Amino acid sequence: MAIDKIDVTKGITGVLPTANLGSGTASSSTVLYGDQTFKTAPSGGLAYVGGQSVSSNTSQINFDGVFTATYRNYLFVWDITTNTDGADIHFNFRTTAPANYASSYYSAVNVVDHLGNNDKYVQSNDSKFILAQGPYNQTSVDFPASSGYCVINNPFSSTFRASLQMQNAFHTTNGDYRFGAGGCYVNNQTQFAGFSVSASANDINNMTGKVYGMVDS
């Protein structure tokens, strides 16, 4: 007996049994891959946990409550312009109180400018970490005067030391375009729930900062 061909141009109504789609077990935690096999859904990535944006002079911008037990590591992406020429941009962890933590920062940042000159800035048992050293203010340069990102490790743990690794770019008051990489340790085991950004003199004039938790894969 001849078998009629299936007209694939006709729409299929109803729910097609998952067993007809591929091998493996279909569930809320699996996805169908191109080899027609149901496999565990991919994980990992970034989850937005908080941010701040200012467009007028602000003495200190706090990112409170962005660190929790949900994530071990975090990404902070920022662009900042100060209100005062040459003011450094400071980073401080903040305790669960919340309050700035102002001791035991050990750090080093290596910098090269657009002419190939090398520089560095280092700190030992300091009261803060420097995100950018001596950038222009808001009236001397197009926004932003500085930008960069930080990977922050173990900030919410009370049994590990918090650390930070950074890459930055900034335009300094002597006209240099500088690009740096470095980081810092807090030399004791302290639980932090957030951090703050401020200027070494006067205010931050303009800033956008976003924080993401790194989802375990």
N, C-alpha and C. Protein backbone atom coordinates (compact mmCIF):
# COMPACT_ATOMS: atom_id res chain seq x y z
N MET A 1 0.85 -1.18 0.00
CA MET A 1 0.00 0.00 0.00
C MET A 1 0.90 1.25 0.00
N ALA A 2 0.59 2.18 -0.87
CA ALA A 2 1.38 3.41 -0.96
C ALA A 2 1.11 4.30 0.24
N ILE A 3 2.17 4.98 0.73
CA ILE A 3 2.04 5.90 1.85
C ILE A 3 2.10 7.32 1.32
N ASP A 4 1.09 8.10 1.66
CA ASP A 4 1.07 9.47 1.19
C ASP A 4 2.21 10.26 1.83
N LYS A 5 2.76 11.19 1.07
CA LYS A 5 3.79 12.08 1.62
C LYS A 5 3.16 13.07 2.59
N ILE A 6 3.94 13.47 3.60
CA ILE A 6 3.48 14.46 4.56
C ILE A 6 3.67 15.85 3.97
N ASP A 7 2.63 16.62 4.03
CA ASP A 7 2.70 18.00 3.54
C ASP A 7 3.27 18.88 4.65
N VAL A 8 4.58 19.21 4.54
CA VAL A 8 5.24 19.98 5.59
C VAL A 8 4.83 21.45 5.57
N THR A 9 4.09 21.85 4.58
CA THR A 9 3.64 23.24 4.55
C THR A 9 2.45 23.46 5.45
N LYS A 10 1.84 22.39 5.95
CA LYS A 10 0.70 22.50 6.83
C LYS A 10 1.18 22.78 8.25
N GLY A 11 0.49 23.65 8.97
CA GLY A 11 0.86 23.94 10.34
C GLY A 11 0.55 22.79 11.27
N ILE A 12 1.34 22.67 12.34
CA ILE A 12 1.12 21.63 13.34
C ILE A 12 0.40 22.26 14.51
N THR A 13 -0.71 21.68 14.90
CA THR A 13 -1.45 22.20 16.04
C THR A 13 -1.23 21.31 17.25
N GLY A 14 -1.45 21.88 18.43
CA GLY A 14 -1.27 21.11 19.64
C GLY A 14 0.18 21.09 20.07
N VAL A 15 0.48 20.28 21.11
CA VAL A 15 1.82 20.18 21.68
C VAL A 15 2.51 18.95 21.14
N LEU A 16 3.69 19.16 20.56
CA LEU A 16 4.46 18.04 20.03
C LEU A 16 5.20 17.36 21.17
N PRO A 17 5.08 16.05 21.33
CA PRO A 17 5.77 15.34 22.42
C PRO A 17 7.27 15.60 22.37
N THR A 18 7.87 15.89 23.53
CA THR A 18 9.30 16.21 23.57
C THR A 18 10.14 15.04 23.10
N ALA A 19 9.65 13.80 23.27
CA ALA A 19 10.40 12.63 22.82
C ALA A 19 10.60 12.64 21.32
N ASN A 20 9.73 13.38 20.61
CA ASN A 20 9.85 13.47 19.16
C ASN A 20 10.86 14.53 18.72
N LEU A 21 11.33 15.33 19.67
CA LEU A 21 12.25 16.42 19.34
C LEU A 21 13.71 16.00 19.45
N GLY A 22 14.02 15.16 20.43
CA GLY A 22 15.40 14.77 20.62
C GLY A 22 15.54 13.77 21.75
N SER A 23 16.75 13.26 21.93
CA SER A 23 17.02 12.29 22.99
C SER A 23 17.36 13.01 24.28
N GLY A 24 17.39 12.28 25.37
CA GLY A 24 17.63 12.89 26.66
C GLY A 24 16.32 13.24 27.34
N THR A 25 16.42 13.92 28.48
CA THR A 25 15.24 14.24 29.27
C THR A 25 14.93 15.73 29.18
N ALA A 26 13.73 16.05 28.72
CA ALA A 26 13.29 17.44 28.67
C ALA A 26 12.76 17.86 30.03
N SER A 27 13.23 19.00 30.56
CA SER A 27 12.76 19.50 31.85
C SER A 27 12.98 21.00 31.89
N SER A 28 12.62 21.61 33.03
CA SER A 28 12.79 23.06 33.18
C SER A 28 14.25 23.47 33.27
N SER A 29 15.16 22.50 33.47
CA SER A 29 16.58 22.82 33.60
C SER A 29 17.41 22.34 32.41
N THR A 30 16.74 21.84 31.34
CA THR A 30 17.46 21.40 30.16
C THR A 30 16.99 22.18 28.94
N VAL A 31 17.85 22.20 27.92
CA VAL A 31 17.51 22.85 26.65
C VAL A 31 17.87 21.90 25.52
N LEU A 32 17.21 22.08 24.37
CA LEU A 32 17.46 21.24 23.20
C LEU A 32 18.59 21.85 22.38
N TYR A 33 19.69 21.09 22.23
CA TYR A 33 20.83 21.55 21.46
C TYR A 33 20.67 21.16 19.99
N GLY A 34 21.58 21.68 19.17
CA GLY A 34 21.51 21.44 17.73
C GLY A 34 21.72 20.00 17.33
N ASP A 35 22.31 19.19 18.21
CA ASP A 35 22.49 17.77 17.90
C ASP A 35 21.28 16.94 18.31
N GLN A 36 20.16 17.63 18.55
CA GLN A 36 18.88 17.00 18.92
C GLN A 36 18.98 16.22 20.23
N THR A 37 19.71 16.81 21.19
CA THR A 37 19.86 16.21 22.51
C THR A 37 19.48 17.23 23.57
N PHE A 38 18.65 16.82 24.55
CA PHE A 38 18.35 17.67 25.68
C PHE A 38 19.51 17.61 26.67
N LYS A 39 20.08 18.79 27.00
CA LYS A 39 21.20 18.85 27.92
C LYS A 39 20.95 19.94 28.95
N THR A 40 21.72 19.92 30.04
CA THR A 40 21.58 20.91 31.09
C THR A 40 21.76 22.31 30.52
N ALA A 41 20.87 23.21 30.92
CA ALA A 41 20.94 24.58 30.43
C ALA A 41 22.25 25.23 30.86
N PRO A 42 22.88 26.02 30.00
CA PRO A 42 24.14 26.69 30.38
C PRO A 42 23.91 27.70 31.49
N SER A 43 24.90 27.86 32.34
CA SER A 43 24.81 28.83 33.44
C SER A 43 25.98 29.79 33.35
N GLY A 44 26.17 30.59 34.37
CA GLY A 44 27.24 31.57 34.37
C GLY A 44 26.76 32.89 33.82
N GLY A 45 27.66 33.85 33.74
CA GLY A 45 27.32 35.16 33.22
C GLY A 45 27.30 36.20 34.32
N LEU A 46 26.67 37.34 34.03
CA LEU A 46 26.62 38.47 34.95
C LEU A 46 25.19 38.80 35.33
N ALA A 47 24.99 39.14 36.58
CA ALA A 47 23.67 39.54 37.08
C ALA A 47 23.78 40.94 37.66
N TYR A 48 23.01 41.88 37.14
CA TYR A 48 23.05 43.26 37.61
C TYR A 48 22.56 43.33 39.05
N VAL A 49 23.35 43.96 39.93
CA VAL A 49 22.97 44.04 41.35
C VAL A 49 22.82 45.47 41.85
N GLY A 50 23.22 46.46 41.04
CA GLY A 50 23.03 47.83 41.49
C GLY A 50 23.90 48.81 40.73
N GLY A 51 23.54 50.08 40.82
CA GLY A 51 24.31 51.11 40.13
C GLY A 51 23.99 52.49 40.65
N GLN A 52 24.80 53.46 40.25
CA GLN A 52 24.61 54.85 40.62
C GLN A 52 24.94 55.73 39.42
N SER A 53 24.25 56.86 39.34
CA SER A 53 24.53 57.83 38.29
C SER A 53 24.35 59.23 38.88
N VAL A 54 25.35 60.10 38.70
CA VAL A 54 25.24 61.48 39.17
C VAL A 54 25.64 62.42 38.04
N SER A 55 25.02 63.56 38.01
CA SER A 55 25.33 64.55 36.97
C SER A 55 25.53 65.94 37.56
N SER A 56 25.76 66.01 38.87
CA SER A 56 26.07 67.27 39.54
C SER A 56 27.01 66.96 40.70
N ASN A 57 27.64 67.98 41.25
CA ASN A 57 28.67 67.78 42.26
C ASN A 57 28.17 66.98 43.46
N THR A 58 28.87 65.90 43.75
CA THR A 58 28.51 65.00 44.85
C THR A 58 29.79 64.61 45.58
N SER A 59 29.79 64.73 46.89
CA SER A 59 31.02 64.50 47.65
C SER A 59 31.41 63.03 47.71
N GLN A 60 30.42 62.15 47.82
CA GLN A 60 30.70 60.71 47.90
C GLN A 60 29.51 59.93 47.35
N ILE A 61 29.79 58.94 46.52
CA ILE A 61 28.73 58.11 45.95
C ILE A 61 28.85 56.72 46.55
N ASN A 62 27.79 56.28 47.22
CA ASN A 62 27.80 54.99 47.91
C ASN A 62 27.06 53.92 47.11
N PHE A 63 27.65 52.75 47.08
CA PHE A 63 27.05 51.57 46.48
C PHE A 63 26.81 50.57 47.62
N ASP A 64 25.84 50.86 48.46
CA ASP A 64 25.58 50.02 49.63
C ASP A 64 24.70 48.84 49.27
N GLY A 65 24.97 47.68 49.89
CA GLY A 65 24.14 46.50 49.73
C GLY A 65 24.32 45.75 48.43
N VAL A 66 25.35 46.08 47.63
CA VAL A 66 25.53 45.37 46.36
C VAL A 66 26.26 44.04 46.53
N PHE A 67 26.99 43.87 47.64
CA PHE A 67 27.67 42.61 47.92
C PHE A 67 26.84 41.78 48.89
N THR A 68 26.58 40.54 48.53
CA THR A 68 25.82 39.62 49.38
C THR A 68 26.44 38.23 49.28
N ALA A 69 25.84 37.30 50.00
CA ALA A 69 26.31 35.92 49.95
C ALA A 69 25.94 35.23 48.64
N THR A 70 25.13 35.86 47.81
CA THR A 70 24.70 35.23 46.55
C THR A 70 25.86 35.01 45.60
N TYR A 71 26.80 35.97 45.55
CA TYR A 71 27.91 35.88 44.61
C TYR A 71 29.24 36.01 45.34
N ARG A 72 30.22 35.32 44.83
CA ARG A 72 31.57 35.38 45.40
C ARG A 72 32.37 36.54 44.80
N ASN A 73 32.18 36.79 43.48
CA ASN A 73 32.95 37.79 42.76
C ASN A 73 32.02 38.78 42.05
N TYR A 74 32.54 39.99 41.80
CA TYR A 74 31.73 41.06 41.23
C TYR A 74 32.52 41.84 40.18
N LEU A 75 31.78 42.49 39.27
CA LEU A 75 32.36 43.37 38.28
C LEU A 75 31.79 44.77 38.49
N PHE A 76 32.67 45.76 38.59
CA PHE A 76 32.29 47.16 38.71
C PHE A 76 32.80 47.91 37.48
N VAL A 77 31.89 48.49 36.70
CA VAL A 77 32.24 49.25 35.49
C VAL A 77 31.92 50.72 35.76
N TRP A 78 32.86 51.64 35.46
CA TRP A 78 32.67 53.03 35.87
C TRP A 78 33.24 54.01 34.86
N ASP A 79 32.65 55.20 34.85
CA ASP A 79 33.27 56.38 34.25
C ASP A 79 33.03 57.56 35.18
N ILE A 80 34.07 58.34 35.42
CA ILE A 80 34.03 59.37 36.47
C ILE A 80 34.77 60.62 36.00
N THR A 81 34.18 61.79 36.28
CA THR A 81 34.84 63.08 36.06
C THR A 81 34.70 63.89 37.34
N THR A 82 35.81 64.43 37.82
CA THR A 82 35.80 65.19 39.08
C THR A 82 35.45 66.65 38.83
N ASN A 83 35.25 67.38 39.92
CA ASN A 83 34.97 68.81 39.85
C ASN A 83 36.23 69.65 40.00
N THR A 84 37.36 69.01 40.31
CA THR A 84 38.61 69.73 40.57
C THR A 84 39.73 69.13 39.73
N ASP A 85 40.44 69.96 39.00
CA ASP A 85 41.58 69.49 38.22
C ASP A 85 42.59 68.78 39.11
N GLY A 86 43.01 67.59 38.66
CA GLY A 86 44.07 66.87 39.35
C GLY A 86 43.65 66.11 40.58
N ALA A 87 42.37 66.10 40.92
CA ALA A 87 41.92 65.35 42.10
C ALA A 87 41.92 63.86 41.79
N ASP A 88 42.54 63.07 42.67
CA ASP A 88 42.51 61.61 42.51
C ASP A 88 41.10 61.08 42.77
N ILE A 89 40.81 59.93 42.19
CA ILE A 89 39.52 59.28 42.41
C ILE A 89 39.73 58.11 43.36
N HIS A 90 39.04 58.16 44.49
CA HIS A 90 39.23 57.18 45.56
C HIS A 90 38.13 56.12 45.57
N PHE A 91 38.55 54.91 45.96
CA PHE A 91 37.64 53.79 46.16
C PHE A 91 37.81 53.30 47.59
N ASN A 92 36.69 53.16 48.32
CA ASN A 92 36.71 52.57 49.66
C ASN A 92 35.66 51.48 49.78
N PHE A 93 36.05 50.34 50.29
CA PHE A 93 35.05 49.36 50.67
C PHE A 93 34.20 49.92 51.81
N ARG A 94 32.96 49.42 51.90
CA ARG A 94 32.07 49.84 52.98
C ARG A 94 31.57 48.62 53.74
N THR A 95 31.56 48.74 55.06
CA THR A 95 31.15 47.64 55.92
C THR A 95 29.63 47.48 55.88
N THR A 96 29.14 46.47 56.58
CA THR A 96 27.70 46.23 56.64
C THR A 96 26.98 47.27 57.48
N ALA A 97 27.72 48.17 58.14
CA ALA A 97 27.11 49.17 59.05
C ALA A 97 26.04 50.07 58.43
N PRO A 98 26.20 50.74 57.26
CA PRO A 98 27.40 50.80 56.42
C PRO A 98 28.28 51.99 56.78
N ALA A 99 29.58 51.83 56.55
CA ALA A 99 30.53 52.92 56.79
C ALA A 99 31.78 52.63 55.98
N ASN A 100 32.47 53.71 55.56
CA ASN A 100 33.71 53.53 54.82
C ASN A 100 34.74 52.78 55.65
N TYR A 101 35.44 51.86 55.01
CA TYR A 101 36.55 51.17 55.63
C TYR A 101 37.83 51.87 55.16
N ALA A 102 38.62 52.38 56.09
CA ALA A 102 39.70 53.30 55.73
C ALA A 102 41.05 52.87 56.32
N SER A 103 41.44 51.61 56.10
CA SER A 103 42.77 51.17 56.53
C SER A 103 43.15 49.89 55.79
N SER A 104 44.45 49.60 55.77
CA SER A 104 44.98 48.31 55.31
C SER A 104 44.85 48.06 53.81
N TYR A 105 44.83 49.11 52.98
CA TYR A 105 44.84 48.94 51.54
C TYR A 105 46.29 48.87 51.04
N TYR A 106 46.64 47.76 50.42
CA TYR A 106 47.95 47.59 49.80
C TYR A 106 47.74 47.45 48.30
N SER A 107 48.38 48.33 47.50
CA SER A 107 48.04 48.34 46.08
C SER A 107 49.21 48.78 45.22
N ALA A 108 49.09 48.47 43.93
CA ALA A 108 50.06 48.91 42.92
C ALA A 108 49.36 49.01 41.58
N VAL A 109 49.59 50.10 40.87
CA VAL A 109 49.04 50.30 39.53
C VAL A 109 50.17 50.72 38.61
N ASN A 110 50.34 50.01 37.51
CA ASN A 110 51.34 50.36 36.51
C ASN A 110 50.64 51.07 35.35
N VAL A 111 51.21 52.21 34.91
CA VAL A 111 50.56 53.08 33.94
C VAL A 111 51.51 53.37 32.78
N VAL A 112 50.97 53.42 31.56
CA VAL A 112 51.73 53.88 30.41
C VAL A 112 50.91 54.96 29.70
N ASP A 113 51.58 56.03 29.22
CA ASP A 113 50.84 57.08 28.54
C ASP A 113 50.92 56.91 27.03
N HIS A 114 50.26 57.81 26.29
CA HIS A 114 50.16 57.66 24.84
C HIS A 114 51.49 57.91 24.12
N LEU A 115 52.48 58.41 24.85
CA LEU A 115 53.81 58.62 24.29
C LEU A 115 54.77 57.48 24.61
N GLY A 116 54.26 56.50 25.37
CA GLY A 116 55.09 55.35 25.71
C GLY A 116 55.83 55.47 27.02
N ASN A 117 55.58 56.53 27.78
CA ASN A 117 56.25 56.71 29.07
C ASN A 117 55.55 55.88 30.15
N ASN A 118 56.33 55.27 31.01
CA ASN A 118 55.80 54.45 32.10
C ASN A 118 55.78 55.20 33.41
N ASP A 119 54.79 54.89 34.23
CA ASP A 119 54.68 55.47 35.56
C ASP A 119 53.99 54.43 36.44
N LYS A 120 53.94 54.67 37.71
CA LYS A 120 53.24 53.78 38.62
C LYS A 120 52.83 54.55 39.85
N TYR A 121 51.80 54.06 40.52
CA TYR A 121 51.48 54.59 41.84
C TYR A 121 51.16 53.42 42.76
N VAL A 122 51.76 53.46 43.94
CA VAL A 122 51.68 52.36 44.89
C VAL A 122 51.23 52.89 46.25
N GLN A 123 50.63 52.01 47.05
CA GLN A 123 50.17 52.37 48.39
C GLN A 123 50.47 51.22 49.35
N SER A 124 50.82 51.55 50.58
CA SER A 124 51.09 50.55 51.59
C SER A 124 50.36 50.92 52.88
N ASN A 125 49.45 50.06 53.30
CA ASN A 125 48.64 50.29 54.50
C ASN A 125 47.96 51.66 54.44
N ASP A 126 47.35 51.95 53.28
CA ASP A 126 46.72 53.24 53.06
C ASP A 126 45.25 53.20 53.47
N SER A 127 44.59 54.37 53.36
CA SER A 127 43.20 54.50 53.80
C SER A 127 42.20 54.34 52.66
N LYS A 128 42.70 54.08 51.42
CA LYS A 128 41.81 53.97 50.27
C LYS A 128 42.60 53.35 49.11
N PHE A 129 41.90 53.06 48.02
CA PHE A 129 42.52 52.65 46.77
C PHE A 129 42.26 53.73 45.73
N ILE A 130 43.26 54.04 44.89
CA ILE A 130 43.12 55.09 43.89
C ILE A 130 42.73 54.48 42.55
N LEU A 131 41.53 54.84 42.05
CA LEU A 131 41.06 54.37 40.75
C LEU A 131 41.75 55.10 39.61
N ALA A 132 42.00 56.40 39.76
CA ALA A 132 42.68 57.19 38.74
C ALA A 132 43.41 58.33 39.42
N GLN A 133 44.61 58.65 38.94
CA GLN A 133 45.47 59.63 39.60
C GLN A 133 45.57 60.90 38.75
N GLY A 134 45.02 62.00 39.27
CA GLY A 134 45.20 63.31 38.67
C GLY A 134 44.52 63.58 37.35
N PRO A 135 43.27 63.16 37.13
CA PRO A 135 42.61 63.47 35.86
C PRO A 135 42.11 64.91 35.80
N TYR A 136 41.77 65.35 34.58
CA TYR A 136 41.15 66.66 34.38
C TYR A 136 39.81 66.75 35.10
N ASN A 137 39.32 67.98 35.27
CA ASN A 137 37.97 68.17 35.81
C ASN A 137 36.97 68.33 34.67
N GLN A 138 35.71 68.60 35.03
CA GLN A 138 34.63 68.59 34.05
C GLN A 138 34.67 69.77 33.07
N THR A 139 35.39 70.84 33.42
CA THR A 139 35.45 72.00 32.51
C THR A 139 36.67 71.95 31.60
N SER A 140 37.55 70.99 31.82
CA SER A 140 38.80 70.94 31.05
C SER A 140 38.84 69.82 30.02
N VAL A 141 37.85 68.95 30.02
CA VAL A 141 37.90 67.78 29.15
C VAL A 141 36.48 67.30 28.87
N ASP A 142 36.28 66.68 27.72
CA ASP A 142 35.00 66.04 27.45
C ASP A 142 34.81 64.85 28.39
N PHE A 143 33.56 64.59 28.78
CA PHE A 143 33.28 63.43 29.63
C PHE A 143 33.60 62.13 28.88
N PRO A 144 34.04 61.10 29.59
CA PRO A 144 34.51 61.16 30.97
C PRO A 144 36.01 61.41 31.01
N ALA A 145 36.48 61.93 32.13
CA ALA A 145 37.91 62.11 32.30
C ALA A 145 38.60 60.79 32.64
N SER A 146 37.85 59.84 33.20
CA SER A 146 38.42 58.54 33.56
C SER A 146 37.35 57.48 33.42
N SER A 147 37.80 56.29 33.12
CA SER A 147 36.88 55.15 33.01
C SER A 147 37.65 53.88 33.26
N GLY A 148 36.92 52.80 33.51
CA GLY A 148 37.59 51.54 33.74
C GLY A 148 36.66 50.49 34.31
N TYR A 149 37.24 49.38 34.71
CA TYR A 149 36.46 48.32 35.34
C TYR A 149 37.31 47.61 36.38
N CYS A 150 36.64 47.06 37.38
CA CYS A 150 37.30 46.34 38.46
C CYS A 150 36.63 44.98 38.64
N VAL A 151 37.42 43.96 38.85
CA VAL A 151 36.92 42.66 39.31
C VAL A 151 37.20 42.59 40.80
N ILE A 152 36.15 42.39 41.58
CA ILE A 152 36.25 42.41 43.05
C ILE A 152 36.00 41.00 43.57
N ASN A 153 36.96 40.48 44.34
CA ASN A 153 36.92 39.09 44.81
C ASN A 153 36.63 39.02 46.31
N ASN A 154 35.69 38.18 46.68
CA ASN A 154 35.39 37.84 48.07
C ASN A 154 35.07 39.02 48.98
N PRO A 155 34.34 40.02 48.51
CA PRO A 155 34.09 41.17 49.39
C PRO A 155 33.19 40.86 50.58
N PHE A 156 32.24 39.91 50.40
CA PHE A 156 31.27 39.66 51.46
C PHE A 156 31.75 38.60 52.46
N SER A 157 32.87 37.98 52.17
CA SER A 157 33.38 36.93 53.05
C SER A 157 34.11 37.52 54.25
N SER A 158 33.92 36.93 55.41
CA SER A 158 34.65 37.34 56.61
C SER A 158 35.81 36.40 56.90
N THR A 159 36.05 35.42 56.01
CA THR A 159 37.15 34.48 56.18
C THR A 159 38.18 34.57 55.05
N PHE A 160 37.95 35.44 54.08
CA PHE A 160 38.91 35.70 53.01
C PHE A 160 39.20 37.20 52.94
N ARG A 161 40.39 37.54 52.51
CA ARG A 161 40.71 38.94 52.28
C ARG A 161 40.09 39.40 50.97
N ALA A 162 39.45 40.55 50.98
CA ALA A 162 38.91 41.12 49.75
C ALA A 162 40.05 41.64 48.89
N SER A 163 39.91 41.47 47.58
CA SER A 163 40.91 42.00 46.65
C SER A 163 40.21 42.59 45.44
N LEU A 164 40.96 43.35 44.67
CA LEU A 164 40.41 44.06 43.52
C LEU A 164 41.47 44.12 42.44
N GLN A 165 41.08 43.80 41.20
CA GLN A 165 41.96 43.95 40.05
C GLN A 165 41.31 44.93 39.08
N MET A 166 42.09 45.88 38.53
CA MET A 166 41.51 46.98 37.77
C MET A 166 42.27 47.23 36.47
N GLN A 167 41.53 47.70 35.47
CA GLN A 167 42.12 48.35 34.30
C GLN A 167 41.45 49.71 34.15
N ASN A 168 42.24 50.74 33.82
CA ASN A 168 41.67 52.08 33.74
C ASN A 168 42.24 52.87 32.56
N ALA A 169 41.54 53.95 32.22
CA ALA A 169 42.01 54.91 31.21
C ALA A 169 41.64 56.29 31.73
N PHE A 170 42.57 57.25 31.66
CA PHE A 170 42.26 58.58 32.16
C PHE A 170 43.12 59.63 31.48
N HIS A 171 42.59 60.86 31.44
CA HIS A 171 43.24 62.00 30.79
C HIS A 171 43.72 62.93 31.88
N THR A 172 45.02 63.09 32.01
CA THR A 172 45.57 63.83 33.15
C THR A 172 45.73 65.31 32.84
N THR A 173 45.97 66.09 33.90
CA THR A 173 46.05 67.54 33.78
C THR A 173 47.30 68.01 33.04
N ASN A 174 48.28 67.14 32.81
CA ASN A 174 49.44 67.53 31.99
C ASN A 174 49.24 67.14 30.53
N GLY A 175 48.01 66.69 30.18
CA GLY A 175 47.68 66.39 28.80
C GLY A 175 47.92 64.96 28.38
N ASP A 176 48.39 64.11 29.28
CA ASP A 176 48.64 62.71 28.95
C ASP A 176 47.35 61.89 28.92
N TYR A 177 47.29 60.99 27.97
CA TYR A 177 46.28 59.92 28.01
C TYR A 177 46.96 58.71 28.62
N ARG A 178 46.47 58.27 29.76
CA ARG A 178 47.14 57.19 30.48
C ARG A 178 46.25 55.95 30.57
N PHE A 179 46.90 54.81 30.54
CA PHE A 179 46.20 53.53 30.58
C PHE A 179 46.94 52.64 31.57
N GLY A 180 46.19 52.11 32.55
CA GLY A 180 46.85 51.39 33.62
C GLY A 180 46.18 50.08 33.98
N ALA A 181 46.93 49.28 34.71
CA ALA A 181 46.42 48.01 35.24
C ALA A 181 47.06 47.78 36.59
N GLY A 182 46.27 47.26 37.52
CA GLY A 182 46.79 47.00 38.85
C GLY A 182 45.70 46.49 39.76
N GLY A 183 45.94 46.60 41.06
CA GLY A 183 44.93 46.12 41.99
C GLY A 183 45.32 46.37 43.42
N CYS A 184 44.50 45.86 44.33
CA CYS A 184 44.78 46.05 45.76
C CYS A 184 44.25 44.88 46.57
N TYR A 185 44.83 44.72 47.73
CA TYR A 185 44.37 43.81 48.77
C TYR A 185 43.97 44.63 49.99
N VAL A 186 42.95 44.18 50.70
CA VAL A 186 42.70 44.67 52.05
C VAL A 186 43.33 43.64 52.98
N ASN A 187 44.31 44.06 53.75
CA ASN A 187 45.16 43.11 54.45
C ASN A 187 44.55 42.61 55.76
N ASN A 188 43.29 42.29 55.75
CA ASN A 188 42.66 41.58 56.86
C ASN A 188 41.32 41.02 56.37
N GLN A 189 40.73 40.18 57.18
CA GLN A 189 39.49 39.51 56.81
C GLN A 189 38.30 40.32 57.35
N THR A 190 37.70 41.11 56.48
CA THR A 190 36.58 41.97 56.87
C THR A 190 35.45 41.78 55.88
N GLN A 191 34.24 41.72 56.37
CA GLN A 191 33.07 41.57 55.50
C GLN A 191 32.61 42.93 55.01
N PHE A 192 32.49 43.05 53.69
CA PHE A 192 32.04 44.30 53.07
C PHE A 192 30.74 44.06 52.32
N ALA A 193 29.82 45.02 52.46
CA ALA A 193 28.53 44.92 51.76
C ALA A 193 28.44 45.89 50.60
N GLY A 194 29.45 46.75 50.43
CA GLY A 194 29.42 47.71 49.34
C GLY A 194 30.71 48.50 49.28
N PHE A 195 30.65 49.65 48.60
CA PHE A 195 31.83 50.48 48.46
C PHE A 195 31.39 51.91 48.16
N SER A 196 32.34 52.83 48.20
CA SER A 196 32.08 54.23 47.85
C SER A 196 33.13 54.73 46.88
N VAL A 197 32.75 55.79 46.15
CA VAL A 197 33.68 56.47 45.25
C VAL A 197 33.66 57.95 45.61
N SER A 198 34.83 58.58 45.68
CA SER A 198 34.92 59.99 46.04
C SER A 198 36.16 60.59 45.39
N ALA A 199 36.34 61.89 45.55
CA ALA A 199 37.51 62.59 45.01
C ALA A 199 38.41 63.03 46.15
N SER A 200 39.71 63.13 45.88
CA SER A 200 40.65 63.55 46.92
C SER A 200 40.49 65.01 47.28
N ALA A 201 39.87 65.79 46.38
CA ALA A 201 39.58 67.20 46.66
C ALA A 201 38.21 67.54 46.10
N ASN A 202 37.39 68.14 46.92
CA ASN A 202 36.04 68.56 46.53
C ASN A 202 35.19 67.38 46.06
N ASP A 203 34.50 67.52 44.90
CA ASP A 203 33.44 66.58 44.55
C ASP A 203 33.72 65.82 43.27
N ILE A 204 32.89 64.78 43.09
CA ILE A 204 32.74 64.15 41.78
C ILE A 204 31.61 64.87 41.06
N ASN A 205 31.87 65.30 39.83
CA ASN A 205 30.89 66.07 39.09
C ASN A 205 29.97 65.20 38.25
N ASN A 206 30.50 64.11 37.71
CA ASN A 206 29.71 63.27 36.81
C ASN A 206 30.19 61.83 36.92
N MET A 207 29.26 60.90 37.04
CA MET A 207 29.66 59.50 37.18
C MET A 207 28.53 58.58 36.78
N THR A 208 28.90 57.48 36.14
CA THR A 208 27.99 56.36 35.95
C THR A 208 28.74 55.10 36.41
N GLY A 209 28.15 54.33 37.29
CA GLY A 209 28.76 53.11 37.77
C GLY A 209 27.76 52.00 37.89
N LYS A 210 28.12 50.82 37.42
CA LYS A 210 27.23 49.66 37.48
C LYS A 210 27.97 48.47 38.08
N VAL A 211 27.24 47.68 38.87
CA VAL A 211 27.84 46.53 39.57
C VAL A 211 27.09 45.26 39.17
N TYR A 212 27.87 44.21 38.87
CA TYR A 212 27.29 42.94 38.45
C TYR A 212 27.87 41.82 39.30
N GLY A 213 27.01 40.90 39.73
CA GLY A 213 27.48 39.69 40.37
C GLY A 213 27.87 38.66 39.31
N MET A 214 28.95 37.94 39.55
CA MET A 214 29.39 36.92 38.61
C MET A 214 28.77 35.58 38.99
N VAL A 215 27.88 35.11 38.12
CA VAL A 215 27.15 33.88 38.38
C VAL A 215 28.08 32.70 38.21
N ASP A 216 28.10 31.78 39.18
CA ASP A 216 28.94 30.59 39.06
C ASP A 216 28.45 29.73 37.91
N SER A 217 29.40 29.19 37.14
CA SER A 217 29.03 28.34 36.01
C SER A 217 29.08 26.87 36.41
